[in-house]
């Protein structure tokens, strides 16, 4: 499903990025840039490390329904990275 508005997403939702990789929405960024007023999503790739992030505009990603048993619950946690 193609979504073009920031309100269509929630942190923790699974999306497909333009490269075809699955990612989890971590943050919703609205009007954070000084040079433009585009909304953005910060997403973490499911097949990458805890710092494997990408920031995209909402129209660039699609929502993906993933059965809960296929996703490690720690990957959906917004604060999974703990620093020692």
C-alpha atoms as a PDB file:
ATOM      1  CA  UNK A   1       0.000   0.000   0.000  1.00  0.00           C
ATOM      2  CA  UNK A   2       1.471   3.347  -1.056  1.00  0.00           C
ATOM      3  CA  UNK A   3       1.193   6.038   1.614  1.00  0.00           C
ATOM      4  CA  UNK A   4       2.133   9.629   0.977  1.00  0.00           C
ATOM      5  CA  UNK A   5       1.438  11.260   4.340  1.00  0.00           C
ATOM      6  CA  UNK A   6       3.405  11.157   7.571  1.00  0.00           C
ATOM      7  CA  UNK A   7       0.163  10.551   9.489  1.00  0.00           C
ATOM      8  CA  UNK A   8      -0.187   7.167   7.751  1.00  0.00           C
ATOM      9  CA  UNK A   9       2.811   5.777   9.682  1.00  0.00           C
ATOM     10  CA  UNK A  10       3.498   4.907  13.314  1.00  0.00           C
ATOM     11  CA  UNK A  11       6.818   4.005  14.981  1.00  0.00           C
ATOM     12  CA  UNK A  12       7.249   0.235  14.960  1.00  0.00           C
ATOM     13  CA  UNK A  13       5.491  -0.368  11.632  1.00  0.00           C
ATOM     14  CA  UNK A  14       7.252  -2.420   8.975  1.00  0.00           C
ATOM     15  CA  UNK A  15       7.812  -0.782   5.572  1.00  0.00           C
ATOM     16  CA  UNK A  16       9.475  -1.639   2.261  1.00  0.00           C
ATOM     17  CA  UNK A  17      12.139   0.842   1.176  1.00  0.00           C
ATOM     18  CA  UNK A  18      12.851   1.808  -2.458  1.00  0.00           C
ATOM     19  CA  UNK A  19      15.706  -0.735  -2.514  1.00  0.00           C
ATOM     20  CA  UNK A  20      13.224  -3.500  -1.607  1.00  0.00           C
ATOM     21  CA  UNK A  21      14.559  -4.074   1.903  1.00  0.00           C
ATOM     22  CA  UNK A  22      12.305  -4.373   4.954  1.00  0.00           C
ATOM     23  CA  UNK A  23      12.702  -1.702   7.617  1.00  0.00           C
ATOM     24  CA  UNK A  24      11.012  -0.648  10.851  1.00  0.00           C
ATOM     25  CA  UNK A  25       9.913   2.973  11.324  1.00  0.00           C
ATOM     26  CA  UNK A  26      11.874   4.445  14.251  1.00  0.00           C
ATOM     27  CA  UNK A  27      11.030   8.171  14.115  1.00  0.00           C
ATOM     28  CA  UNK A  28       8.632  10.519  12.375  1.00  0.00           C
ATOM     29  CA  UNK A  29      10.297  13.797  11.437  1.00  0.00           C
ATOM     30  CA  UNK A  30       8.073  16.730  10.512  1.00  0.00           C
ATOM     31  CA  UNK A  31       9.613  20.035   9.457  1.00  0.00           C
ATOM     32  CA  UNK A  32      13.032  19.315  10.951  1.00  0.00           C
ATOM     33  CA  UNK A  33      15.097  20.618   8.051  1.00  0.00           C
ATOM     34  CA  UNK A  34      16.028  24.282   7.758  1.00  0.00           C
ATOM     35  CA  UNK A  35      16.224  24.100   3.957  1.00  0.00           C
ATOM     36  CA  UNK A  36      12.903  22.405   3.127  1.00  0.00           C
ATOM     37  CA  UNK A  37       9.630  21.489   4.790  1.00  0.00           C
ATOM     38  CA  UNK A  38       9.400  17.820   3.752  1.00  0.00           C
ATOM     39  CA  UNK A  39       8.333  15.237   6.302  1.00  0.00           C
ATOM     40  CA  UNK A  40      10.615  12.252   6.725  1.00  0.00           C
ATOM     41  CA  UNK A  41      10.722   8.803   8.326  1.00  0.00           C
ATOM     42  CA  UNK A  42      13.803   7.375   9.989  1.00  0.00           C
ATOM     43  CA  UNK A  43      13.800   3.611   9.476  1.00  0.00           C
ATOM     44  CA  UNK A  44      16.096   0.779  10.594  1.00  0.00           C
ATOM     45  CA  UNK A  45      16.693  -2.121   8.227  1.00  0.00           C
ATOM     46  CA  UNK A  46      15.605  -5.495   9.607  1.00  0.00           C
ATOM     47  CA  UNK A  47      18.493  -7.319   7.955  1.00  0.00           C
ATOM     48  CA  UNK A  48      21.106  -4.818   9.145  1.00  0.00           C
ATOM     49  CA  UNK A  49      22.739  -3.799  12.373  1.00  0.00           C
ATOM     50  CA  UNK A  50      21.315  -1.485  15.046  1.00  0.00           C
ATOM     51  CA  UNK A  51      22.864   1.547  13.339  1.00  0.00           C
ATOM     52  CA  UNK A  52      21.833   0.605   9.789  1.00  0.00           C
ATOM     53  CA  UNK A  53      19.375   3.500   9.344  1.00  0.00           C
ATOM     54  CA  UNK A  54      17.848   5.356   6.419  1.00  0.00           C
ATOM     55  CA  UNK A  55      15.814   8.576   6.292  1.00  0.00           C
ATOM     56  CA  UNK A  56      13.149   8.718   3.576  1.00  0.00           C
ATOM     57  CA  UNK A  57      10.119  10.752   2.610  1.00  0.00           C
ATOM     58  CA  UNK A  58       6.765   9.041   3.232  1.00  0.00           C
ATOM     59  CA  UNK A  59       5.910   8.696  -0.470  1.00  0.00           C
ATOM     60  CA  UNK A  60       9.079   6.629  -0.987  1.00  0.00           C
ATOM     61  CA  UNK A  61       8.060   3.705   1.239  1.00  0.00           C
ATOM     62  CA  UNK A  62       5.211   1.184   1.293  1.00  0.00           C
ATOM     63  CA  UNK A  63       3.642  -0.416   4.350  1.00  0.00           C
ATOM     64  CA  UNK A  64       4.307  -4.132   4.663  1.00  0.00           C
ATOM     65  CA  UNK A  65       2.284  -6.518   6.772  1.00  0.00           C
ATOM     66  CA  UNK A  66       4.697  -8.933   8.469  1.00  0.00           C
ATOM     67  CA  UNK A  67       3.377 -11.739  10.687  1.00  0.00           C
ATOM     68  CA  UNK A  68       4.579 -11.148  14.243  1.00  0.00           C
ATOM     69  CA  UNK A  69       6.254 -14.569  14.430  1.00  0.00           C
ATOM     70  CA  UNK A  70       8.586 -13.657  11.533  1.00  0.00           C
ATOM     71  CA  UNK A  71      10.013 -10.574  13.255  1.00  0.00           C
ATOM     72  CA  UNK A  72      12.248 -10.678  16.320  1.00  0.00           C
ATOM     73  CA  UNK A  73      10.526  -8.542  19.009  1.00  0.00           C
ATOM     74  CA  UNK A  74      13.867  -6.919  19.853  1.00  0.00           C
ATOM     75  CA  UNK A  75      13.962  -5.484  16.313  1.00  0.00           C
ATOM     76  CA  UNK A  76      10.695  -3.636  16.915  1.00  0.00           C
ATOM     77  CA  UNK A  77      11.822  -2.126  20.217  1.00  0.00           C
ATOM     78  CA  UNK A  78      12.434   1.591  19.810  1.00  0.00           C
ATOM     79  CA  UNK A  79      15.279   1.524  22.324  1.00  0.00           C
ATOM     80  CA  UNK A  80      16.945  -1.814  21.528  1.00  0.00           C
ATOM     81  CA  UNK A  81      20.452  -0.364  21.394  1.00  0.00           C
ATOM     82  CA  UNK A  82      21.963  -0.117  24.841  1.00  0.00           C
ATOM     83  CA  UNK A  83      25.382   1.417  25.316  1.00  0.00           C
ATOM     84  CA  UNK A  84      27.734  -0.116  27.853  1.00  0.00           C
END
